[in-house]
Amino acid sequence: MSTLSSLPGGTWTLGDLTVTRFGYGAMQLAGPGVMGPPADPDGALAVLREAVDLGITHIDTADAYGPQVTNRLIREALHPYPEALHIVTKVGATRDAQGGWPPAREPEALRRAVHENLETLGLDALDVVNLRLGNAQGPQPGSLAEAFAALVDLQQQGLIRHLGVSNATAEQVAEARAIAPIVCVQNMYNLAYRHDDELIETLAVAGIAYVPFFPLGGFSPLQSSALSAVADRLGSTPMSVALAWLLRRSPNILLIPGTSSAAHLRENITGAGLSLSDDDLAELDKIGR
């Protein structure tokens, strides 16, 4: 295994868990539309093993991916898990036959989801569980109190070590923090989508991680002439520059770019380690403003 320091960004602590700031998101290991098994199961197992061999200690997943596909792949590839590896999962949404993500945030649904994650991952306790809020269109206003309290109860039972929220408004983050400590917020954020700038600063002061999903734009990759210009000047790719910018954006940002290719995983790591000058950063900073 590579040393932690060899990965760009160094490490961060989620509560009492130390993780590499460069992590790995498992969503893309499921089939098309995040439904069903991967076309290349052996390749999916290989990329998970490569992630751990490269020193990554933060893997993001959810039992809804597949459903249950990515968790089972993680277990097959990596169980028994290395002591340094920490798996972060999320609950609060399920899947329907059309590939939608209907919410499932009633206390009983959340209890069932936590137990299913424990079973599919082969764990006695989950390192971090994020409560997924909102819907596929993004965060939606409303109280999370009942749902979050159900997870706090499971935490008190010893089934969850640490809590976080996902797809949340700033008000919901504050509401969760008033109920129990959280170690991370996982929201959509990237170079072109900067809605959470203020929230990131607030969380950094509090020592809470911010984990952007769709760090490269998601299903519609980032397109920007300014981004392309900086990448061309550095002899790199726009995606590499976008990852490097996120690591420079704030020390509490953790990356979880996903890929189903071990070669692409290595490219992402190299890209995230790209050195950006102050001029590069100033140019990139204008994109999402």
C-alpha atoms as a PDB file:
ATOM      1  CA  MET A   1       0.000   0.000   0.000  1.00  0.00           C
ATOM      2  CA  SER A   2       1.205   3.522  -0.789  1.00  0.00           C
ATOM      3  CA  THR A   3       1.731   5.919   2.090  1.00  0.00           C
ATOM      4  CA  LEU A   4      -1.057   8.356   2.853  1.00  0.00           C
ATOM      5  CA  SER A   5       1.200  11.313   2.136  1.00  0.00           C
ATOM      6  CA  SER A   6       1.673  10.163  -1.469  1.00  0.00           C
ATOM      7  CA  LEU A   7      -1.929  11.062  -2.292  1.00  0.00           C
ATOM      8  CA  PRO A   8      -2.684  14.711  -3.096  1.00  0.00           C
ATOM      9  CA  GLY A   9      -4.231  16.744  -0.286  1.00  0.00           C
ATOM     10  CA  GLY A  10      -2.965  14.679   2.644  1.00  0.00           C
ATOM     11  CA  THR A  11      -5.515  13.599   5.251  1.00  0.00           C
ATOM     12  CA  TRP A  12      -8.552  14.806   7.216  1.00  0.00           C
ATOM     13  CA  THR A  13     -10.237  13.502  10.345  1.00  0.00           C
ATOM     14  CA  LEU A  14     -13.908  12.533  10.359  1.00  0.00           C
ATOM     15  CA  GLY A  15     -14.494  12.469  14.096  1.00  0.00           C
ATOM     16  CA  ASP A  16     -11.840   9.990  15.251  1.00  0.00           C
ATOM     17  CA  LEU A  17     -11.295   8.496  11.779  1.00  0.00           C
ATOM     18  CA  THR A  18      -8.368   9.645   9.636  1.00  0.00           C
ATOM     19  CA  VAL A  19      -9.069   9.513   5.891  1.00  0.00           C
ATOM     20  CA  THR A  20      -7.235  10.571   2.773  1.00  0.00           C
ATOM     21  CA  ARG A  21      -8.656  13.772   1.307  1.00  0.00           C
ATOM     22  CA  PHE A  22      -8.519  12.016  -2.045  1.00  0.00           C
ATOM     23  CA  GLY A  23     -11.132   9.262  -1.763  1.00  0.00           C
ATOM     24  CA  TYR A  24     -13.107   7.088  -4.124  1.00  0.00           C
ATOM     25  CA  GLY A  25     -16.829   7.154  -4.970  1.00  0.00           C
ATOM     26  CA  ALA A  26     -18.240   3.724  -5.853  1.00  0.00           C
ATOM     27  CA  MET A  27     -21.455   4.816  -7.605  1.00  0.00           C
ATOM     28  CA  GLN A  28     -20.102   4.255 -11.119  1.00  0.00           C
ATOM     29  CA  LEU A  29     -19.379   0.597 -10.383  1.00  0.00           C
ATOM     30  CA  ALA A  30     -23.066  -0.278 -10.768  1.00  0.00           C
ATOM     31  CA  GLY A  31     -24.666  -0.760 -14.186  1.00  0.00           C
ATOM     32  CA  PRO A  32     -26.114   1.950 -16.474  1.00  0.00           C
ATOM     33  CA  GLY A  33     -28.209   4.504 -14.583  1.00  0.00           C
ATOM     34  CA  VAL A  34     -26.722   3.115 -11.336  1.00  0.00           C
ATOM     35  CA  MET A  35     -28.970   0.079 -11.776  1.00  0.00           C
ATOM     36  CA  GLY A  36     -27.984  -3.578 -11.898  1.00  0.00           C
ATOM     37  CA  PRO A  37     -24.553  -5.211 -12.020  1.00  0.00           C
ATOM     38  CA  PRO A  38     -21.524  -3.806 -13.847  1.00  0.00           C
ATOM     39  CA  ALA A  39     -20.775  -4.931 -17.396  1.00  0.00           C
ATOM     40  CA  ASP A  40     -17.291  -5.933 -16.172  1.00  0.00           C
ATOM     41  CA  PRO A  41     -17.507  -7.314 -12.604  1.00  0.00           C
ATOM     42  CA  ASP A  42     -13.811  -8.290 -12.529  1.00  0.00           C
ATOM     43  CA  GLY A  43     -12.872  -4.757 -13.588  1.00  0.00           C
ATOM     44  CA  ALA A  44     -15.045  -3.321 -10.795  1.00  0.00           C
ATOM     45  CA  LEU A  45     -13.320  -5.504  -8.195  1.00  0.00           C
ATOM     46  CA  ALA A  46      -9.937  -4.539  -9.647  1.00  0.00           C
ATOM     47  CA  VAL A  47     -10.551  -0.785  -9.364  1.00  0.00           C
ATOM     48  CA  LEU A  48     -11.585  -1.136  -5.700  1.00  0.00           C
ATOM     49  CA  ARG A  49      -8.441  -3.116  -4.914  1.00  0.00           C
ATOM     50  CA  GLU A  50      -6.344  -0.594  -6.834  1.00  0.00           C
ATOM     51  CA  ALA A  51      -7.863   2.264  -4.804  1.00  0.00           C
ATOM     52  CA  VAL A  52      -6.771   0.628  -1.550  1.00  0.00           C
ATOM     53  CA  ASP A  53      -3.350  -0.345  -2.977  1.00  0.00           C
ATOM     54  CA  LEU A  54      -2.812   3.316  -3.932  1.00  0.00           C
ATOM     55  CA  GLY A  55      -3.422   4.339  -0.310  1.00  0.00           C
ATOM     56  CA  ILE A  56      -7.020   5.614  -0.501  1.00  0.00           C
ATOM     57  CA  THR A  57      -8.726   5.186   2.894  1.00  0.00           C
ATOM     58  CA  HIS A  58     -12.132   6.792   2.146  1.00  0.00           C
ATOM     59  CA  ILE A  59     -14.662   4.931  -0.012  1.00  0.00           C
ATOM     60  CA  ASP A  60     -18.134   6.379  -0.536  1.00  0.00           C
ATOM     61  CA  THR A  61     -21.075   4.111  -1.325  1.00  0.00           C
ATOM     62  CA  ALA A  62     -24.804   3.550  -0.723  1.00  0.00           C
ATOM     63  CA  ASP A  63     -27.009   0.480  -0.597  1.00  0.00           C
ATOM     64  CA  ALA A  64     -29.269   2.238  -3.145  1.00  0.00           C
ATOM     65  CA  TYR A  65     -26.526   1.986  -5.794  1.00  0.00           C
ATOM     66  CA  GLY A  66     -27.569  -0.979  -7.873  1.00  0.00           C
ATOM     67  CA  PRO A  67     -29.444  -1.410  -5.488  1.00  0.00           C
ATOM     68  CA  GLN A  68     -27.013  -3.317  -3.232  1.00  0.00           C
ATOM     69  CA  VAL A  69     -24.551  -3.769  -6.116  1.00  0.00           C
ATOM     70  CA  THR A  70     -21.697  -1.475  -5.054  1.00  0.00           C
ATOM     71  CA  ASN A  71     -21.799  -2.575  -1.412  1.00  0.00           C
ATOM     72  CA  ARG A  72     -21.561  -6.228  -2.431  1.00  0.00           C
ATOM     73  CA  LEU A  73     -18.657  -5.462  -4.773  1.00  0.00           C
ATOM     74  CA  ILE A  74     -16.847  -3.580  -1.995  1.00  0.00           C
ATOM     75  CA  ARG A  75     -17.297  -6.536   0.334  1.00  0.00           C
ATOM     76  CA  GLU A  76     -16.156  -9.068  -2.280  1.00  0.00           C
ATOM     77  CA  ALA A  77     -13.103  -7.005  -3.232  1.00  0.00           C
ATOM     78  CA  LEU A  78     -11.915  -5.794   0.171  1.00  0.00           C
ATOM     79  CA  HIS A  79     -13.371  -7.804   3.083  1.00  0.00           C
ATOM     80  CA  PRO A  80     -11.881  -8.308   5.634  1.00  0.00           C
ATOM     81  CA  TYR A  81     -11.228  -4.590   5.432  1.00  0.00           C
ATOM     82  CA  PRO A  82      -7.825  -3.030   6.154  1.00  0.00           C
ATOM     83  CA  GLU A  83      -7.867  -1.250   9.519  1.00  0.00           C
ATOM     84  CA  ALA A  84      -7.104   2.110   7.872  1.00  0.00           C
ATOM     85  CA  LEU A  85      -9.994   1.901   5.388  1.00  0.00           C
ATOM     86  CA  HIS A  86     -13.218   3.777   6.184  1.00  0.00           C
ATOM     87  CA  ILE A  87     -16.456   3.277   4.256  1.00  0.00           C
ATOM     88  CA  VAL A  88     -19.025   6.073   4.181  1.00  0.00           C
ATOM     89  CA  THR A  89     -22.566   5.198   3.161  1.00  0.00           C
ATOM     90  CA  LYS A  90     -25.879   7.018   2.902  1.00  0.00           C
ATOM     91  CA  VAL A  91     -29.523   6.301   3.623  1.00  0.00           C
ATOM     92  CA  GLY A  92     -32.745   8.166   2.937  1.00  0.00           C
ATOM     93  CA  ALA A  93     -33.497   7.188  -0.658  1.00  0.00           C
ATOM     94  CA  THR A  94     -34.338   3.935  -2.348  1.00  0.00           C
ATOM     95  CA  ARG A  95     -34.754   2.911  -6.001  1.00  0.00           C
ATOM     96  CA  ASP A  96     -37.842   2.217  -8.081  1.00  0.00           C
ATOM     97  CA  ALA A  97     -38.243   0.068 -11.199  1.00  0.00           C
ATOM     98  CA  GLN A  98     -37.926   3.156 -13.417  1.00  0.00           C
ATOM     99  CA  GLY A  99     -34.508   3.998 -11.940  1.00  0.00           C
ATOM    100  CA  GLY A 100     -35.849   6.868  -9.818  1.00  0.00           C
ATOM    101  CA  TRP A 101     -34.697   7.737  -6.300  1.00  0.00           C
ATOM    102  CA  PRO A 102     -37.854   8.003  -4.157  1.00  0.00           C
ATOM    103  CA  PRO A 103     -37.196   9.255  -0.628  1.00  0.00           C
ATOM    104  CA  ALA A 104     -37.275   6.724   2.210  1.00  0.00           C
ATOM    105  CA  ARG A 105     -36.763   8.821   5.319  1.00  0.00           C
ATOM    106  CA  GLU A 106     -39.357   7.427   7.720  1.00  0.00           C
ATOM    107  CA  PRO A 107     -37.625   6.131  10.879  1.00  0.00           C
ATOM    108  CA  GLU A 108     -38.479   2.503  10.092  1.00  0.00           C
ATOM    109  CA  ALA A 109     -37.147   2.832   6.519  1.00  0.00           C
ATOM    110  CA  LEU A 110     -33.911   4.337   7.844  1.00  0.00           C
ATOM    111  CA  ARG A 111     -33.493   1.568  10.432  1.00  0.00           C
ATOM    112  CA  ARG A 112     -34.013  -1.024   7.697  1.00  0.00           C
ATOM    113  CA  ALA A 113     -31.509   0.736   5.417  1.00  0.00           C
ATOM    114  CA  VAL A 114     -28.814   0.839   8.100  1.00  0.00           C
ATOM    115  CA  HIS A 115     -29.234  -2.885   8.790  1.00  0.00           C
ATOM    116  CA  GLU A 116     -29.110  -3.640   5.045  1.00  0.00           C
ATOM    117  CA  ASN A 117     -25.878  -1.643   4.723  1.00  0.00           C
ATOM    118  CA  LEU A 118     -24.382  -3.532   7.655  1.00  0.00           C
ATOM    119  CA  GLU A 119     -25.339  -6.824   6.022  1.00  0.00           C
ATOM    120  CA  THR A 120     -24.221  -6.078   2.466  1.00  0.00           C
ATOM    121  CA  LEU A 121     -20.915  -4.549   3.593  1.00  0.00           C
ATOM    122  CA  GLY A 122     -20.292  -7.257   6.200  1.00  0.00           C
ATOM    123  CA  LEU A 123     -19.821  -4.847   9.113  1.00  0.00           C
ATOM    124  CA  ASP A 124     -20.891  -4.680  12.761  1.00  0.00           C
ATOM    125  CA  ALA A 125     -20.926  -0.870  12.705  1.00  0.00           C
ATOM    126  CA  LEU A 126     -20.884   1.712   9.911  1.00  0.00           C
ATOM    127  CA  ASP A 127     -18.084   4.294  10.062  1.00  0.00           C
ATOM    128  CA  VAL A 128     -20.148   7.201   8.709  1.00  0.00           C
ATOM    129  CA  VAL A 129     -23.790   7.363   7.588  1.00  0.00           C
ATOM    130  CA  ASN A 130     -25.086  10.367   5.663  1.00  0.00           C
ATOM    131  CA  LEU A 131     -28.789  11.177   5.727  1.00  0.00           C
ATOM    132  CA  ARG A 132     -29.752  11.925   2.135  1.00  0.00           C
ATOM    133  CA  LEU A 133     -32.282  14.745   1.924  1.00  0.00           C
ATOM    134  CA  GLY A 134     -34.020  16.572  -0.926  1.00  0.00           C
ATOM    135  CA  ASN A 135     -34.600  14.810  -4.234  1.00  0.00           C
ATOM    136  CA  ALA A 136     -32.954  14.277  -7.624  1.00  0.00           C
ATOM    137  CA  GLN A 137     -33.448  17.986  -8.384  1.00  0.00           C
ATOM    138  CA  GLY A 138     -31.376  18.993  -5.350  1.00  0.00           C
ATOM    139  CA  PRO A 139     -31.866  20.086  -1.729  1.00  0.00           C
ATOM    140  CA  GLN A 140     -35.427  20.902  -0.634  1.00  0.00           C
ATOM    141  CA  PRO A 141     -36.427  22.912   2.451  1.00  0.00           C
ATOM    142  CA  GLY A 142     -37.999  21.172   5.434  1.00  0.00           C
ATOM    143  CA  SER A 143     -37.138  19.774   8.846  1.00  0.00           C
ATOM    144  CA  LEU A 144     -34.878  16.727   9.093  1.00  0.00           C
ATOM    145  CA  ALA A 145     -35.475  16.320  12.850  1.00  0.00           C
ATOM    146  CA  GLU A 146     -37.479  13.077  12.862  1.00  0.00           C
ATOM    147  CA  ALA A 147     -35.255  11.319  10.327  1.00  0.00           C
ATOM    148  CA  PHE A 148     -32.002  12.509  11.871  1.00  0.00           C
ATOM    149  CA  ALA A 149     -33.153  11.519  15.363  1.00  0.00           C
ATOM    150  CA  ALA A 150     -33.720   7.969  14.078  1.00  0.00           C
ATOM    151  CA  LEU A 151     -30.064   7.817  12.977  1.00  0.00           C
ATOM    152  CA  VAL A 152     -28.894   9.295  16.288  1.00  0.00           C
ATOM    153  CA  ASP A 153     -30.779   6.472  18.013  1.00  0.00           C
ATOM    154  CA  LEU A 154     -28.945   3.891  15.855  1.00  0.00           C
ATOM    155  CA  GLN A 155     -25.672   5.651  16.651  1.00  0.00           C
ATOM    156  CA  GLN A 156     -26.434   5.343  20.378  1.00  0.00           C
ATOM    157  CA  GLN A 157     -27.021   1.616  19.813  1.00  0.00           C
ATOM    158  CA  GLY A 158     -23.476   1.351  18.434  1.00  0.00           C
ATOM    159  CA  LEU A 159     -24.489   0.619  14.817  1.00  0.00           C
ATOM    160  CA  ILE A 160     -23.167   3.944  13.451  1.00  0.00           C
ATOM    161  CA  ARG A 161     -19.955   5.692  14.497  1.00  0.00           C
ATOM    162  CA  HIS A 162     -20.443   9.102  12.892  1.00  0.00           C
ATOM    163  CA  LEU A 163     -23.223  11.012  11.147  1.00  0.00           C
ATOM    164  CA  GLY A 164     -23.443  13.381   8.212  1.00  0.00           C
ATOM    165  CA  VAL A 165     -26.024  14.864   5.853  1.00  0.00           C
ATOM    166  CA  SER A 166     -26.249  14.888   2.072  1.00  0.00           C
ATOM    167  CA  ASN A 167     -28.128  17.006  -0.476  1.00  0.00           C
ATOM    168  CA  ALA A 168     -28.919  19.410   2.360  1.00  0.00           C
ATOM    169  CA  THR A 169     -29.676  23.119   2.678  1.00  0.00           C
ATOM    170  CA  ALA A 170     -27.563  25.266   5.014  1.00  0.00           C
ATOM    171  CA  GLU A 171     -30.584  25.442   7.358  1.00  0.00           C
ATOM    172  CA  GLN A 172     -30.813  21.629   7.478  1.00  0.00           C
ATOM    173  CA  VAL A 173     -27.090  21.389   8.228  1.00  0.00           C
ATOM    174  CA  ALA A 174     -27.571  23.790  11.144  1.00  0.00           C
ATOM    175  CA  GLU A 175     -30.629  21.840  12.343  1.00  0.00           C
ATOM    176  CA  ALA A 176     -28.695  18.545  12.275  1.00  0.00           C
ATOM    177  CA  ARG A 177     -25.779  20.096  14.186  1.00  0.00           C
ATOM    178  CA  ALA A 178     -28.215  21.309  16.871  1.00  0.00           C
ATOM    179  CA  ILE A 179     -29.409  17.695  17.360  1.00  0.00           C
ATOM    180  CA  ALA A 180     -26.081  15.823  17.301  1.00  0.00           C
ATOM    181  CA  PRO A 181     -22.507  16.283  16.010  1.00  0.00           C
ATOM    182  CA  ILE A 182     -21.926  15.691  12.295  1.00  0.00           C
ATOM    183  CA  VAL A 183     -18.568  14.988  10.635  1.00  0.00           C
ATOM    184  CA  CYS A 184     -19.408  15.742   6.994  1.00  0.00           C
ATOM    185  CA  VAL A 185     -21.787  17.329   4.511  1.00  0.00           C
ATOM    186  CA  GLN A 186     -22.054  15.808   1.045  1.00  0.00           C
ATOM    187  CA  ASN A 187     -23.599  18.199  -1.502  1.00  0.00           C
ATOM    188  CA  MET A 188     -23.287  18.971  -5.184  1.00  0.00           C
ATOM    189  CA  TYR A 189     -20.412  21.396  -5.733  1.00  0.00           C
ATOM    190  CA  ASN A 190     -17.771  21.970  -8.369  1.00  0.00           C
ATOM    191  CA  LEU A 191     -15.866  24.697 -10.187  1.00  0.00           C
ATOM    192  CA  ALA A 192     -19.000  25.836 -12.039  1.00  0.00           C
ATOM    193  CA  TYR A 193     -21.610  25.165  -9.330  1.00  0.00           C
ATOM    194  CA  ARG A 194     -20.691  27.271  -6.309  1.00  0.00           C
ATOM    195  CA  HIS A 195     -23.957  27.500  -4.329  1.00  0.00           C
ATOM    196  CA  ASP A 196     -22.311  26.270  -1.095  1.00  0.00           C
ATOM    197  CA  ASP A 197     -19.344  28.661  -0.906  1.00  0.00           C
ATOM    198  CA  GLU A 198     -20.566  30.200   2.351  1.00  0.00           C
ATOM    199  CA  LEU A 199     -21.470  26.820   3.866  1.00  0.00           C
ATOM    200  CA  ILE A 200     -17.990  25.454   3.085  1.00  0.00           C
ATOM    201  CA  GLU A 201     -16.422  28.324   5.062  1.00  0.00           C
ATOM    202  CA  THR A 202     -18.770  27.740   8.018  1.00  0.00           C
ATOM    203  CA  LEU A 203     -17.979  24.021   8.087  1.00  0.00           C
ATOM    204  CA  ALA A 204     -14.220  24.595   7.766  1.00  0.00           C
ATOM    205  CA  VAL A 205     -14.261  26.728  10.913  1.00  0.00           C
ATOM    206  CA  ALA A 206     -16.173  23.948  12.716  1.00  0.00           C
ATOM    207  CA  GLY A 207     -13.786  21.218  11.505  1.00  0.00           C
ATOM    208  CA  ILE A 208     -16.508  19.496   9.469  1.00  0.00           C
ATOM    209  CA  ALA A 209     -15.686  17.953   6.095  1.00  0.00           C
ATOM    210  CA  TYR A 210     -17.417  19.052   2.901  1.00  0.00           C
ATOM    211  CA  VAL A 211     -17.600  16.297   0.287  1.00  0.00           C
ATOM    212  CA  PRO A 212     -18.677  17.489  -3.176  1.00  0.00           C
ATOM    213  CA  PHE A 213     -20.586  15.023  -5.279  1.00  0.00           C
ATOM    214  CA  PHE A 214     -20.399  15.511  -9.050  1.00  0.00           C
ATOM    215  CA  PRO A 215     -16.972  17.195  -8.554  1.00  0.00           C
ATOM    216  CA  LEU A 216     -16.486  17.009 -12.325  1.00  0.00           C
ATOM    217  CA  GLY A 217     -20.050  17.978 -13.262  1.00  0.00           C
ATOM    218  CA  GLY A 218     -21.644  14.525 -13.032  1.00  0.00           C
ATOM    219  CA  PHE A 219     -23.664  13.338 -16.004  1.00  0.00           C
ATOM    220  CA  SER A 220     -22.865  16.609 -17.853  1.00  0.00           C
ATOM    221  CA  PRO A 221     -19.086  17.091 -17.572  1.00  0.00           C
ATOM    222  CA  LEU A 222     -17.816  20.589 -16.861  1.00  0.00           C
ATOM    223  CA  GLN A 223     -17.530  22.778 -19.963  1.00  0.00           C
ATOM    224  CA  SER A 224     -15.706  26.101 -19.699  1.00  0.00           C
ATOM    225  CA  SER A 225     -13.379  27.971 -22.031  1.00  0.00           C
ATOM    226  CA  ALA A 226     -11.506  29.369 -19.007  1.00  0.00           C
ATOM    227  CA  LEU A 227     -11.054  25.866 -17.575  1.00  0.00           C
ATOM    228  CA  SER A 228      -9.834  24.565 -20.945  1.00  0.00           C
ATOM    229  CA  ALA A 229      -7.436  27.510 -21.281  1.00  0.00           C
ATOM    230  CA  VAL A 230      -5.828  26.840 -17.879  1.00  0.00           C
ATOM    231  CA  ALA A 231      -5.616  23.106 -18.662  1.00  0.00           C
ATOM    232  CA  ASP A 232      -3.959  23.775 -22.040  1.00  0.00           C
ATOM    233  CA  ARG A 233      -1.453  26.132 -20.432  1.00  0.00           C
ATOM    234  CA  LEU A 234      -0.542  23.462 -17.854  1.00  0.00           C
ATOM    235  CA  GLY A 235      -0.451  20.668 -20.428  1.00  0.00           C
ATOM    236  CA  SER A 236      -3.194  18.891 -18.497  1.00  0.00           C
ATOM    237  CA  THR A 237      -6.905  18.089 -18.828  1.00  0.00           C
ATOM    238  CA  PRO A 238      -9.896  20.167 -17.698  1.00  0.00           C
ATOM    239  CA  MET A 239     -10.968  17.373 -15.314  1.00  0.00           C
ATOM    240  CA  SER A 240      -7.528  17.296 -13.671  1.00  0.00           C
ATOM    241  CA  VAL A 241      -7.592  21.054 -13.170  1.00  0.00           C
ATOM    242  CA  ALA A 242     -11.122  20.864 -11.702  1.00  0.00           C
ATOM    243  CA  LEU A 243     -10.018  18.262  -9.131  1.00  0.00           C
ATOM    244  CA  ALA A 244      -6.857  20.182  -8.231  1.00  0.00           C
ATOM    245  CA  TRP A 245      -8.925  23.358  -7.778  1.00  0.00           C
ATOM    246  CA  LEU A 246     -11.248  21.606  -5.317  1.00  0.00           C
ATOM    247  CA  LEU A 247      -8.349  20.440  -3.151  1.00  0.00           C
ATOM    248  CA  ARG A 248      -7.007  24.023  -3.105  1.00  0.00           C
ATOM    249  CA  ARG A 249     -10.466  25.545  -2.526  1.00  0.00           C
ATOM    250  CA  SER A 250     -10.612  24.669   1.190  1.00  0.00           C
ATOM    251  CA  PRO A 251      -8.736  22.229   3.468  1.00  0.00           C
ATOM    252  CA  ASN A 252     -11.991  20.568   4.583  1.00  0.00           C
ATOM    253  CA  ILE A 253     -12.962  19.494   1.046  1.00  0.00           C
ATOM    254  CA  LEU A 254     -12.686  15.734   0.476  1.00  0.00           C
ATOM    255  CA  LEU A 255     -12.754  14.342  -3.061  1.00  0.00           C
ATOM    256  CA  ILE A 256     -14.664  11.201  -4.069  1.00  0.00           C
ATOM    257  CA  PRO A 257     -14.459  11.114  -7.885  1.00  0.00           C
ATOM    258  CA  GLY A 258     -15.792   7.854  -9.251  1.00  0.00           C
ATOM    259  CA  THR A 259     -14.593   5.694 -12.103  1.00  0.00           C
ATOM    260  CA  SER A 260     -14.883   2.085 -13.216  1.00  0.00           C
ATOM    261  CA  SER A 261     -11.325   2.086 -14.611  1.00  0.00           C
ATOM    262  CA  ALA A 262      -8.130   1.604 -12.609  1.00  0.00           C
ATOM    263  CA  ALA A 263      -6.178   3.604 -15.218  1.00  0.00           C
ATOM    264  CA  HIS A 264      -8.656   6.486 -14.938  1.00  0.00           C
ATOM    265  CA  LEU A 265      -8.392   6.338 -11.129  1.00  0.00           C
ATOM    266  CA  ARG A 266      -4.620   6.820 -11.384  1.00  0.00           C
ATOM    267  CA  GLU A 267      -5.162   9.716 -13.841  1.00  0.00           C
ATOM    268  CA  ASN A 268      -7.544  11.372 -11.360  1.00  0.00           C
ATOM    269  CA  ILE A 269      -4.976  11.103  -8.560  1.00  0.00           C
ATOM    270  CA  THR A 270      -2.252  12.587 -10.746  1.00  0.00           C
ATOM    271  CA  GLY A 271      -4.638  15.332 -11.864  1.00  0.00           C
ATOM    272  CA  ALA A 272      -5.672  16.253  -8.329  1.00  0.00           C
ATOM    273  CA  GLY A 273      -1.989  16.723  -7.480  1.00  0.00           C
ATOM    274  CA  LEU A 274      -1.532  19.330 -10.210  1.00  0.00           C
ATOM    275  CA  SER A 275       0.129  22.533  -9.009  1.00  0.00           C
ATOM    276  CA  LEU A 276      -1.984  25.660  -9.633  1.00  0.00           C
ATOM    277  CA  SER A 277      -0.498  29.159  -9.493  1.00  0.00           C
ATOM    278  CA  ASP A 278      -2.274  32.147  -7.964  1.00  0.00           C
ATOM    279  CA  ASP A 279      -2.985  33.368 -11.511  1.00  0.00           C
ATOM    280  CA  ASP A 280      -4.515  29.995 -12.416  1.00  0.00           C
ATOM    281  CA  LEU A 281      -6.680  30.094  -9.296  1.00  0.00           C
ATOM    282  CA  ALA A 282      -7.837  33.664  -9.976  1.00  0.00           C
ATOM    283  CA  GLU A 283      -8.829  32.703 -13.520  1.00  0.00           C
ATOM    284  CA  LEU A 284     -10.653  29.554 -12.380  1.00  0.00           C
ATOM    285  CA  ASP A 285     -12.374  31.392  -9.543  1.00  0.00           C
ATOM    286  CA  LYS A 286     -14.315  33.510 -12.056  1.00  0.00           C
ATOM    287  CA  ILE A 287     -16.013  30.483 -13.669  1.00  0.00           C
ATOM    288  CA  GLY A 288     -18.703  29.866 -11.072  1.00  0.00           C
ATOM    289  CA  ARG A 289     -19.096  33.416  -9.836  1.00  0.00           C
END
